[in-house]
């Protein structure tokens, strides 16, 4: 392959790579890791705590909105219901 054909091939590969990446948002890997860790901590806590009041006290430190707190509580109740 000549130098010109090789350059053209690289240019085409670059354009294809750019087109594939177009429209995809940047992924914040640190934020993703933080979310994964928070979820793991939440699941561990949810499994360990047996009383609703203890669960609510524990998740209060997360700074959730009232809607998020209610959603977490509903999920916790359902998990406890399935376990027993």
Foldseek 3Di string as FASTA:
>chain_A
DDPVVVVVVVVVVVVVVVVVCPPDDDDDVVVVVVVVVVVVVLVVLLVPDDDLVVNLVVCVVVVDDPVVSVVSSVVSVVVNVVVD
